[in-house]
Protein backbone atom coordinates (compact mmCIF):
# COMPACT_ATOMS: atom_id res chain seq x y z
CA MET A 1 81.09 90.47 0.43
CA LYS A 2 79.33 90.85 3.28
CA MET A 3 76.67 88.19 1.68
CA SER A 4 79.94 86.03 1.84
CA TYR A 5 80.42 86.42 4.75
CA ILE A 6 77.00 85.63 6.10
CA ARG A 7 77.39 82.28 3.95
CA ARG A 8 80.45 81.66 5.44
CA LEU A 9 78.78 82.08 9.31
CA GLU A 10 75.57 79.53 8.00
CA ALA A 11 77.77 77.25 7.27
CA VAL A 12 80.12 77.01 10.26
CA VAL A 13 76.67 77.16 12.31
CA ILE A 14 75.86 73.61 10.05
CA SER A 15 78.93 72.04 10.72
CA ILE A 16 78.61 72.70 14.70
CA LEU A 17 74.59 70.82 14.23
CA LEU A 18 76.01 68.04 12.57
CA LEU A 19 78.56 67.45 14.58
CA THR A 20 76.50 67.80 18.00
CA LEU A 21 73.14 66.26 16.60
CA PRO A 22 73.74 62.65 18.28
CA LEU A 23 74.36 63.92 21.26
CA THR A 24 72.08 66.94 21.41
CA GLY A 25 70.12 63.79 20.11
CA LEU A 26 70.97 62.17 23.66
CA ILE A 27 70.58 64.89 26.06
CA ALA A 28 67.54 65.87 24.50
CA SER A 29 65.61 62.44 24.73
CA ALA A 30 67.38 62.38 28.51
CA THR A 31 65.55 66.19 29.35
CA GLU A 32 62.70 64.87 27.96
CA ALA A 33 62.83 61.45 30.39
CA ASN A 34 64.11 62.97 33.10
CA GLU A 35 61.06 65.14 33.90
CA LYS A 36 58.82 62.60 33.54
CA TYR A 37 60.99 59.83 35.05
CA PRO A 38 62.66 61.54 37.92
CA LEU A 39 66.07 59.84 38.75
CA ILE A 40 66.80 58.20 41.66
CA SER A 41 70.47 57.22 42.82
CA VAL A 42 70.74 54.48 45.50
CA PRO A 43 74.73 54.49 46.85
CA GLY A 44 76.58 51.80 48.46
CA ILE A 45 78.41 50.90 51.67
CA MET A 46 79.80 53.82 54.04
CA HIS A 47 78.08 56.58 51.62
CA ALA A 48 77.17 59.06 54.26
CA ASP A 49 78.47 59.34 57.91
CA ILE A 50 76.73 57.39 60.50
CA HIS A 51 75.59 59.40 63.38
CA ALA A 52 74.74 58.79 67.16
CA ASP A 53 71.74 60.75 66.33
CA ALA A 54 69.76 59.43 62.89
CA ASN A 55 67.52 62.96 62.94
CA ASN A 56 70.37 65.29 64.99
CA PRO A 57 72.96 65.96 61.75
CA ASP A 58 75.40 68.24 64.07
CA SER A 59 75.57 64.81 66.39
CA GLU A 60 78.75 63.01 66.41
CA VAL A 61 79.68 60.95 63.86
CA VAL A 62 80.11 57.35 64.73
CA TRP A 63 80.81 55.87 61.89
CA PRO A 64 83.87 56.92 59.72
CA PRO A 65 86.02 57.25 62.90
CA SER A 66 87.56 60.33 63.53
CA THR A 67 91.61 61.11 62.84
CA ASP A 68 91.30 62.38 66.62
CA SER A 69 89.96 59.00 67.38
CA ILE A 70 92.42 56.10 65.27
CA LEU A 71 95.14 58.13 67.06
CA ASP A 72 93.83 57.95 70.52
CA LEU A 73 93.25 54.46 69.94
CA VAL A 74 96.58 53.87 69.10
CA GLU A 75 98.55 55.68 71.92
CA ASP A 76 95.64 53.34 74.38
CA CYS A 77 97.60 50.41 72.40
CA ILE A 78 101.53 52.18 72.93
CA PRO A 79 101.65 49.95 76.31
CA ALA A 80 100.09 46.51 75.30
CA LEU A 81 102.90 46.88 72.21
CA THR A 82 105.69 48.21 74.49
CA GLU A 83 104.74 45.14 76.80
CA PHE A 84 104.91 42.71 73.40
CA SER A 85 108.04 43.72 72.41
CA VAL A 86 109.72 42.91 75.69
CA THR A 87 107.64 39.52 76.55
CA GLY A 88 107.06 38.36 73.21
CA ASP A 89 102.93 37.18 74.62
CA TRP A 90 100.97 37.30 72.44
CA ASN A 91 98.34 36.11 74.12
CA THR A 92 98.33 39.30 76.78
CA LEU A 93 98.92 41.24 73.58
CA GLY A 94 95.90 40.21 72.72
CA ASP A 95 93.55 40.50 75.99
CA LYS A 96 94.30 44.03 76.00
CA ILE A 97 94.15 44.85 72.64
CA SER A 98 90.95 43.30 72.25
CA PRO A 99 88.96 45.65 74.05
CA LEU A 100 90.41 48.91 73.34
CA ALA A 101 89.38 47.98 69.75
CA TYR A 102 85.64 46.92 70.40
CA SER A 103 85.44 50.37 72.25
CA PHE A 104 86.91 52.12 69.37
CA PHE A 105 83.43 50.62 67.15
CA GLU A 106 81.26 50.22 70.01
CA SER A 107 79.26 52.78 69.21
CA SER A 108 78.51 52.06 65.47
CA LEU A 109 77.81 48.34 66.26
CA SER A 110 73.93 47.16 65.83
CA ASP A 111 72.39 44.81 67.95
CA PRO A 112 72.97 41.50 69.18
CA ASP A 113 70.11 40.56 66.38
CA GLY A 114 71.49 42.56 63.91
CA LYS A 115 68.46 45.18 64.18
CA ILE A 116 69.65 48.53 65.03
CA THR A 117 68.07 50.78 68.18
CA ASN A 118 70.03 53.31 69.59
CA GLY A 119 69.01 56.05 67.38
CA SER A 120 72.00 56.31 65.51
CA GLY A 121 72.18 56.04 61.29
CA VAL A 122 72.10 58.26 58.70
CA CYS A 123 70.57 61.29 58.60
CA PHE A 124 68.39 61.92 56.24
CA GLU A 125 66.05 64.56 55.12
CA TYR A 126 63.89 64.54 51.87
CA PRO A 127 63.63 66.62 49.61
CA ASP A 128 61.18 70.28 49.99
CA LYS A 129 58.43 69.74 46.80
CA GLU A 130 60.25 73.24 45.25
CA SER A 131 63.82 71.58 44.98
CA LEU A 132 62.33 69.13 42.88
CA ASP A 133 60.39 71.29 40.92
CA ILE A 134 64.01 72.52 40.01
CA ASN A 135 65.75 69.20 40.25
CA PRO A 136 63.48 66.22 40.64
CA ASP A 137 67.21 63.95 40.87
CA SER A 138 67.74 63.23 44.55
CA VAL A 139 69.91 60.58 46.52
CA PHE A 140 68.21 58.48 48.62
CA LYS A 141 70.25 57.71 51.85
CA TYR A 142 70.59 55.15 54.06
CA ASP A 143 72.15 53.20 57.45
CA TRP A 144 74.51 50.88 54.57
CA ARG A 145 74.58 48.75 58.29
CA ALA A 146 71.33 48.51 58.31
CA ASP A 147 68.71 45.43 57.40
CA PRO A 148 68.28 45.32 53.55
CA ILE A 149 64.80 44.16 53.73
CA ASP A 150 63.97 47.41 56.47
CA THR A 151 65.85 49.71 53.57
CA ALA A 152 63.53 48.20 50.79
CA ALA A 153 60.91 49.68 52.74
CA ASN A 154 62.42 52.69 53.61
CA LEU A 155 62.83 53.39 49.85
CA ASP A 156 59.22 52.37 48.52
CA SER A 157 58.18 54.96 50.90
CA TYR A 158 60.59 57.88 49.63
CA ILE A 159 59.71 56.46 45.87
CA ASN A 160 56.00 57.27 46.47
CA TYR A 161 57.19 60.35 48.40
CA ILE A 162 58.93 61.62 44.70
CA LEU A 163 56.42 60.25 42.22
CA GLU A 164 53.76 62.45 44.57
CA ASN A 165 55.40 65.25 45.07
CA THR A 166 56.73 65.19 40.94
CA GLY A 167 53.23 63.89 39.12
CA ALA A 168 55.76 61.52 37.28
CA GLU A 169 54.32 57.93 37.28
CA LYS A 170 57.37 56.18 37.61
CA VAL A 171 60.94 56.43 38.62
CA ALA A 172 64.41 55.64 37.30
CA LEU A 173 67.14 54.24 38.92
CA SER A 174 70.39 53.92 39.17
CA CYS A 175 72.56 51.69 42.17
CA HIS A 176 76.26 51.27 42.54
CA SER A 177 77.46 48.40 44.23
CA LEU A 178 76.00 48.22 47.99
CA GLY A 179 72.81 50.02 46.77
CA GLY A 180 72.08 46.78 43.42
CA ILE A 181 71.45 44.60 47.02
CA ILE A 182 68.58 47.32 48.55
CA VAL A 183 67.21 47.59 44.78
CA LEU A 184 67.10 43.47 44.60
CA SER A 185 65.41 43.81 48.37
CA TYR A 186 62.53 46.71 46.66
CA LEU A 187 61.50 44.51 43.57
CA SER A 188 61.01 41.42 45.34
CA LEU A 189 59.09 42.97 47.47
CA TYR A 190 57.55 45.72 46.25
CA GLY A 191 57.60 44.71 42.30
CA TYR A 192 58.16 46.68 39.11
CA ASP A 193 54.96 48.97 38.41
CA LYS A 194 56.69 52.31 40.30
CA ILE A 195 59.99 51.63 37.68
CA ASP A 196 60.76 52.36 34.42
CA ALA A 197 64.62 51.85 34.46
CA ILE A 198 67.20 50.50 36.13
CA ALA A 199 71.18 50.76 36.05
CA PHE A 200 72.99 48.50 38.13
CA ASN A 201 75.97 49.64 37.92
CA THR A 202 78.42 47.86 39.93
CA THR A 203 76.60 46.26 42.29
CA ALA A 204 77.23 43.72 44.66
CA ILE A 205 73.77 42.09 43.93
CA TYR A 206 75.49 38.72 44.16
CA GLY A 207 78.10 39.35 46.86
CA ALA A 208 81.38 39.36 47.03
CA SER A 209 83.77 36.31 47.31
CA TYR A 210 86.29 37.82 50.00
CA VAL A 211 83.28 38.74 52.28
CA GLY A 212 82.08 34.72 52.17
CA ASN A 213 84.95 33.59 52.26
CA LEU A 214 86.49 35.80 55.56
CA LEU A 215 82.75 34.29 57.29
CA SER A 216 83.91 30.93 56.35
CA GLY A 217 87.30 30.95 58.49
CA ASP A 218 89.34 31.48 54.66
CA ILE A 219 91.15 33.79 56.03
CA GLU A 220 95.32 34.28 53.76
CA ILE A 221 97.54 36.89 53.29
CA SER A 222 100.06 36.22 50.57
CA ASN A 223 103.20 37.76 48.98
CA GLU A 224 101.50 37.69 45.79
CA SER A 225 98.45 38.97 46.33
CA LEU A 226 99.96 41.54 48.18
CA PHE A 227 102.15 42.55 45.39
CA ALA A 228 98.78 42.57 42.52
CA PHE A 229 97.00 44.78 45.29
CA LEU A 230 99.40 47.36 44.31
CA ASP A 231 98.59 47.34 40.95
CA PHE A 232 95.45 48.39 41.81
CA VAL A 233 96.13 50.92 43.78
CA THR A 234 98.59 51.78 41.47
CA GLU A 235 96.21 52.08 38.33
CA GLY A 236 95.62 55.59 36.93
CA THR A 237 98.67 57.44 38.99
CA ALA A 238 101.35 59.61 36.32
CA ASN A 239 103.96 57.18 37.58
CA LYS A 240 102.64 53.88 38.10
CA ASP A 241 104.90 52.04 35.80
CA LEU A 242 107.31 53.34 38.14
CA LEU A 243 105.63 53.07 41.48
CA ASN A 244 105.06 49.06 40.07
CA ARG A 245 109.13 48.59 39.02
CA ILE A 246 109.83 50.13 43.07
CA PHE A 247 107.26 47.34 43.68
CA ASP A 248 109.55 44.91 41.86
CA MET A 249 112.59 45.47 43.12
CA LEU A 250 111.29 45.98 46.59
CA GLU A 251 109.61 42.09 46.44
CA CYS A 252 113.15 40.93 44.44
CA ALA A 253 114.42 42.33 48.09
CA GLY A 254 112.29 40.44 50.33
CA LEU A 255 109.74 42.57 51.90
CA GLY A 256 106.36 40.89 50.70
CA LYS A 257 107.59 37.60 51.91
CA LEU A 258 108.77 40.05 54.89
CA VAL A 259 105.32 41.07 55.21
CA GLU A 260 103.17 37.87 54.15
CA ASN A 261 104.82 35.94 57.22
CA LEU A 262 104.74 38.95 59.44
CA GLY A 263 100.94 39.56 58.33
CA THR A 264 100.37 35.19 58.69
CA THR A 265 102.08 35.43 62.85
CA ILE A 266 99.38 37.34 63.54
CA LEU A 267 96.65 35.97 62.20
CA ALA A 268 97.78 32.67 63.67
CA GLU A 269 98.81 34.75 66.98
CA LEU A 270 94.91 36.48 67.59
CA SER A 271 92.70 36.14 65.48
CA ASP A 272 90.68 33.73 68.29
CA LYS A 273 90.79 37.16 70.26
CA LEU A 274 90.07 39.74 68.11
CA LEU A 275 87.36 37.38 65.72
CA PRO A 276 84.71 36.70 68.00
CA GLU A 277 85.12 40.25 70.57
CA VAL A 278 85.82 42.34 67.38
CA VAL A 279 84.91 41.68 63.95
CA ILE A 280 82.61 39.32 64.63
CA PRO A 281 80.37 41.95 67.25
CA LEU A 282 80.96 44.74 64.48
CA PHE A 283 80.64 43.04 61.32
CA GLY A 284 79.11 40.03 61.42
CA LYS A 285 75.82 41.84 62.94
CA TRP A 286 75.68 44.28 60.34
CA LEU A 287 72.75 42.01 57.89
CA THR A 288 74.20 43.90 54.86
CA ILE A 289 77.09 42.22 54.89
CA TRP A 290 75.23 39.74 55.19
CA ALA A 291 73.27 40.08 52.22
CA LEU A 292 77.55 40.64 50.68
CA VAL A 293 78.39 36.84 51.36
CA PRO A 294 77.22 35.14 48.03
CA ASP A 295 74.72 32.33 47.33
CA GLU A 296 76.80 29.51 47.25
CA LYS A 297 79.24 30.16 50.38
CA ILE A 298 75.14 31.25 52.97
CA ASP A 299 75.21 28.37 54.07
CA GLU A 300 78.82 27.09 55.00
CA ALA A 301 79.07 31.18 56.33
CA MET A 302 76.82 30.84 58.28
CA LYS A 303 77.43 27.24 60.21
CA TYR A 304 81.19 28.92 60.34
CA THR A 305 80.30 32.19 62.10
CA PHE A 306 77.74 30.81 64.44
CA GLU A 307 79.51 27.61 65.13
CA ASN A 308 82.82 29.81 66.36
CA PHE A 309 82.15 32.68 67.17
CA ILE A 310 77.97 33.13 68.80
CA PRO A 311 77.12 30.95 71.41
CA GLU A 312 74.76 29.37 71.91
CA ASP A 313 73.11 31.27 74.78
CA ALA A 314 74.37 34.97 72.76
CA GLU A 315 72.02 37.74 73.16
CA GLY A 316 69.99 37.44 69.69
CA ARG A 317 71.56 34.68 68.59
CA ASP A 318 68.13 33.31 67.12
CA GLU A 319 66.86 36.51 66.04
CA LEU A 320 69.95 36.93 64.71
CA ARG A 321 69.86 33.73 62.74
CA ALA A 322 65.77 34.63 61.55
CA ASN A 323 67.07 37.91 60.24
CA ILE A 324 69.52 36.46 57.81
CA GLU A 325 67.25 33.92 57.08
CA ASN A 326 64.22 36.33 56.13
CA TYR A 327 66.78 37.76 53.37
CA ASN A 328 67.44 34.68 51.98
CA THR A 329 64.13 33.90 51.54
CA LEU A 330 62.87 36.93 50.54
CA VAL A 331 65.69 38.27 48.62
CA ARG A 332 68.36 36.05 48.31
CA LYS A 333 66.67 32.26 46.58
CA ASN A 334 63.98 34.47 43.36
CA LYS A 335 67.64 36.20 42.56
CA PRO A 336 67.68 35.38 38.98
CA GLU A 337 63.76 35.55 38.62
CA THR A 338 63.74 38.91 39.82
CA LEU A 339 65.89 40.18 37.58
CA ARG A 340 64.66 38.50 35.25
CA LEU A 341 60.94 40.05 35.92
CA ALA A 342 63.09 43.69 36.00
CA ASP A 343 64.33 43.07 32.43
CA GLU A 344 60.97 42.30 31.59
CA HIS A 345 58.84 45.06 33.45
CA CYS A 346 62.34 48.57 33.29
CA LYS A 347 64.36 48.85 30.75
CA ILE A 348 67.54 47.56 32.24
CA GLY A 349 71.41 47.59 31.87
CA VAL A 350 74.29 46.47 33.60
CA ILE A 351 77.97 47.68 33.86
CA SER A 352 81.35 45.82 35.53
CA ARG A 353 84.36 47.26 35.70
CA TYR A 354 87.59 44.41 35.79
CA GLY A 355 90.93 44.35 35.36
CA PHE A 356 92.09 44.10 39.20
CA SER A 357 92.58 41.50 41.42
CA SER A 358 90.19 40.50 44.41
CA ILE A 359 91.56 41.88 47.95
CA PRO A 360 94.64 40.41 49.43
CA ALA A 361 92.65 38.46 52.43
CA THR A 362 92.05 35.48 51.37
CA SER A 363 92.80 32.23 48.81
CA GLN A 364 90.31 33.40 45.96
CA TRP A 365 92.51 36.82 45.91
CA GLN A 366 93.04 35.50 42.23
CA PHE A 367 89.40 36.53 40.63
CA ILE A 368 89.21 39.21 38.78
CA SER A 369 87.91 42.69 40.09
CA ASP A 370 86.91 46.26 40.21
CA GLY A 371 88.99 46.56 43.11
CA VAL A 372 86.36 45.62 45.28
CA LEU A 373 83.89 43.24 43.35
CA ASP A 374 84.04 40.63 41.53
CA SER A 375 83.51 41.27 38.29
CA SER A 376 82.00 37.41 37.50
CA SER A 377 78.64 39.17 40.15
CA THR A 378 79.11 42.71 39.62
CA SER A 379 78.44 40.78 35.09
CA PHE A 380 75.67 38.53 36.75
CA GLY A 381 78.00 35.52 35.74
CA ALA A 382 80.37 36.64 33.08
CA THR A 383 82.94 33.94 33.07
CA PHE A 384 86.48 35.89 34.43
CA ALA A 385 90.01 34.14 33.59
CA LEU A 386 92.27 34.47 37.00
CA TYR A 387 94.07 36.92 37.34
CA GLY A 388 97.02 37.01 35.52
CA ALA A 389 95.95 34.98 32.67
CA THR A 390 93.52 34.12 29.77
CA LEU A 391 89.96 32.35 29.15
CA SER A 392 91.26 28.53 27.89
CA GLU A 393 91.63 27.74 24.60
CA ASP A 394 88.50 25.40 25.07
CA VAL A 395 86.45 28.69 26.19
CA ILE A 396 87.39 30.35 24.07
CA ASN A 397 87.01 27.87 20.93
CA ASN A 398 83.64 27.12 21.49
CA THR A 399 82.37 30.69 22.06
CA SER A 400 80.59 33.33 19.88
CA PRO A 401 83.68 36.12 19.45
CA GLU A 402 82.20 38.74 19.83
CA TYR A 403 81.62 37.94 23.53
CA ILE A 404 85.32 37.23 24.25
CA SER A 405 86.92 40.33 25.35
CA PRO A 406 89.80 41.70 23.48
CA ASP A 407 92.75 40.43 25.95
CA GLU A 408 90.74 37.36 26.13
CA THR A 409 90.06 37.42 30.29
CA VAL A 410 86.05 38.12 29.79
CA ASP A 411 83.08 35.40 27.90
CA ALA A 412 80.23 37.57 28.59
CA SER A 413 78.04 34.83 26.89
CA THR A 414 77.73 32.94 30.49
CA CYS A 415 75.74 36.32 31.32
CA LEU A 416 72.51 36.80 32.93
CA PHE A 417 72.00 39.35 30.33
CA PRO A 418 75.14 39.40 28.05
CA ASP A 419 73.57 42.10 25.35
CA LYS A 420 72.85 44.56 28.25
CA THR A 421 75.97 44.34 29.76
CA TRP A 422 78.92 46.89 29.66
CA PHE A 423 82.50 45.98 31.06
CA ILE A 424 84.89 48.62 31.29
CA ARG A 425 88.38 47.20 31.64
CA ASN A 426 90.57 49.90 34.48
CA GLY A 427 87.66 50.96 35.79
CA LYS A 428 87.92 51.12 39.50
CA HIS A 429 85.26 50.57 41.60
CA ASN A 430 84.49 53.82 43.76
CA ASN A 431 85.54 55.78 40.30
CA GLY A 432 82.93 58.58 38.95
CA TYR A 433 83.80 58.30 35.85
CA GLN A 434 82.19 61.00 33.65
CA ASP A 435 81.89 58.48 30.88
CA LEU A 436 79.88 56.43 33.67
CA THR A 437 77.45 59.25 33.86
CA THR A 438 76.81 59.37 29.86
CA LEU A 439 76.23 55.64 29.81
CA ILE A 440 73.98 55.38 32.85
CA ASN A 441 72.29 58.35 31.49
CA THR A 442 72.17 56.64 28.19
CA ILE A 443 71.08 53.09 30.17
CA LEU A 444 68.32 55.02 32.07
CA TYR A 445 66.75 57.59 28.73
CA ASP A 446 67.02 56.59 25.50
CA SER A 447 63.86 56.07 23.94
CA GLU A 448 64.92 52.38 23.00
CA GLU A 449 65.81 49.73 25.17
CA LEU A 450 70.14 50.25 24.94
CA THR A 451 72.34 46.77 23.85
CA VAL A 452 75.69 46.81 23.52
CA ASP A 453 75.13 47.37 19.76
CA THR A 454 73.17 50.44 19.81
CA TYR A 455 76.20 52.79 20.12
CA GLU A 456 79.34 52.53 18.61
CA GLU A 457 80.59 54.83 21.34
CA PHE A 458 79.25 52.16 24.08
CA PRO A 459 80.19 48.34 22.71
CA ARG A 460 80.64 45.74 24.90
CA PHE A 461 84.21 45.92 25.75
CA MET A 462 85.69 49.44 26.55
CA VAL A 463 88.44 50.33 28.72
CA TYR A 464 89.30 54.31 30.55
CA ASP A 465 91.98 56.02 29.10
CA PHE A 466 93.40 57.25 31.66
CA GLU A 467 94.98 60.12 29.78
CA SER A 468 91.82 61.44 28.15
CA ASP A 469 89.76 59.94 30.90
CA SER A 470 87.70 58.39 28.92
CA PHE A 471 86.29 54.99 27.89
CA ILE A 472 87.00 54.13 24.76
CA PRO A 473 86.35 50.91 22.25
CA ASP A 474 88.15 47.94 23.82
CA THR A 475 91.11 46.92 21.03
CA GLY A 476 93.15 44.36 24.17
CA GLU A 477 96.27 46.14 23.30
CA GLU A 478 98.26 47.56 26.23
CA ALA A 479 101.00 50.99 26.21
CA SER A 480 104.26 50.84 24.26
CA GLY A 481 106.88 49.51 25.48
CA LYS A 482 109.92 50.60 27.84
CA THR A 483 112.12 53.47 27.24
CA GLY A 484 114.51 55.96 28.76
CA PHE A 485 114.34 55.84 32.65
CA LEU A 486 111.66 53.74 33.11
CA ALA A 487 114.28 51.23 30.94
CA PHE A 488 117.13 51.76 33.03
CA VAL A 489 114.65 51.45 36.43
CA GLU A 490 114.62 47.17 34.12
CA LYS A 491 118.40 47.38 34.63
CA ILE A 492 118.36 48.47 38.37
CA LYS A 493 115.72 45.96 39.18
CA ALA A 494 117.94 42.61 37.41
CA PHE A 495 120.49 43.70 39.33
CA ILE A 496 118.97 43.97 42.61
CA ALA A 497 117.16 40.48 41.74
CA ASP A 498 120.40 38.92 40.89
CA PHE A 499 122.59 40.85 44.12
CA PHE A 500 119.46 39.71 46.62
CA LYS A 501 120.41 35.37 44.76
CA LYS A 502 123.62 35.40 45.02
CA PHE A 503 123.53 36.75 48.80
CA ARG A 504 120.75 33.94 49.77
CA ILE A 505 123.00 31.21 47.83
CA LEU A 506 126.10 32.45 49.85
CA PHE A 507 124.68 32.69 52.97
CA GLY A 508 122.49 29.88 52.83
CA ILE A 509 119.18 31.30 53.26
CA GLU A 510 116.22 29.59 51.33
C-alpha cells in the first residue's frame, strides 16, 4: 500500500514537471541571461512627473497639472465664458482665455530653442550597487520634453553605470512608445557594442501621423472619427457591447453631428489665438514632439509651423530649427540603416498592437492604430487597411498567405523585419499585459534569436482576449451573436433611428 502511494506521488510529480518543462526552460534561460545582461526599460512620453527642480523630488510637480490647478483654470475662465454666452464674441473670448491657458502651462515650457535650462525635469536617482546586486533590472527615467540627442547621451552614461556596477558585458533594452526614439538615437550615436538584445514594444520610431498632421495644419473633427474613437475607449470593458449600442443610439439622435459642428466652430474661431499663443509655444518647442513627426511629413510640418507661428525675429527661432534639423541629420535620415545594423549586432523583436482608429483630430483618423500610435509605424512598415475595411483583393491575392492577418487587415510582408514582428489585435497602446511581459522576456533572453515561427504560443498574429486576459492565436473570429437584452437594445436603436428620420422629414431638417 505504501509503495503504491509513493508511485502515485511520483507519477503526479513527473506529470507536473513534464507539463511545466517548457515554461521552466524559458524562465531558466531568462534568469541565466538576466544575470549576465541586465534589463534596462526605456518608457514612453509622460512616464514620470516633471518637477520644478529635477534634483528635488519634493519640489512642485509642474506636469501633469494637478486637479486643483485644473479647477482653478476652469474658475478663472468662467467670467470670459459667461461674457461670451451673452455677446457671442469669439475674438474677445480668445483674447481672454489664451493668456490663462498659457499661464497654466508656462512652468512646463521649454526654452525658445527647445532646450530646457530652468532646472525642471524628471527626478531620477541611479540605483545603488547593493540594489543592483539583488535585481540588476531597472527603468531609465528621462525628461520626455528634452532633445532626444541629449537623452541618448544620458542613456549612454546610465548603461555605463549599470555595466560598471554589475560586471556585465552588455545590457538588454526594452523600449516602449517614445522610448523607441530614445533607443534609436542611442544606437545612431553610440552603436551596438554594449547591447545584447532589444525589444521594440509598440514604439514611436516611425512617428505618429496625427502629430505630423497637426503641425501641418490638418485639424479636423468628424462625427465618424469621434464614434470610432469610442470603440477604443470601450474596448476591454465589461459592458462594451451595451455601451457601443448606446453610443449608436446617440449617434442616430444626432449627438455626434452636434459635437462635430461645435468642435469645428471652436477650431475655426479660436485656432488663430490658441495655436500661436498656447499650443505651439508648449508642444511645438518640445523637441521630442518634432521627433514624433513621421519622416514623410517633417518638411511640410516645419514649413507650416515656422512660417505661420514662429516669427522670423522670434527669440531662439534659428536655434530651434537647428536643433530639429540636428535630429533629422543624426538620427532620422539613417533610421532604416540603424535598425538593420541593430538586427545584425543584437537579438531584436518588434511588437505592434492594432485594431482601433487613430486620434479623432485629423483627416487621417481612419489609420489603424493601438489608440495612440499608427500600427503601420509601430510595426516598422506593415501595410494596413483603413479602419473598418480590409486589404484589397490585389494585396491579398499577391501576398504569401502567412503574412496576411486572419481578419485580412494586415500585410506583414512589407515590415522591415517581417519574421521578427508580432501583431496583437485589440491590444491597447499603454496596457501592460502579462503575456506581453512574457513575450518581451522571451525575445530578450531566449538562447536563440526569436522569430514568429519559434513558439506556437507566440505566432505572428495574436489577439488579446479580454475574458482570459491573455494573448491567443488570432483566428479572425469575433464574439458570438447578440441575444437577450442586447438584442432588445438593437430594437430600441432601430426605433430611435426611425423616429428621428421621420422627425427630420416632417420638419424639413437635413
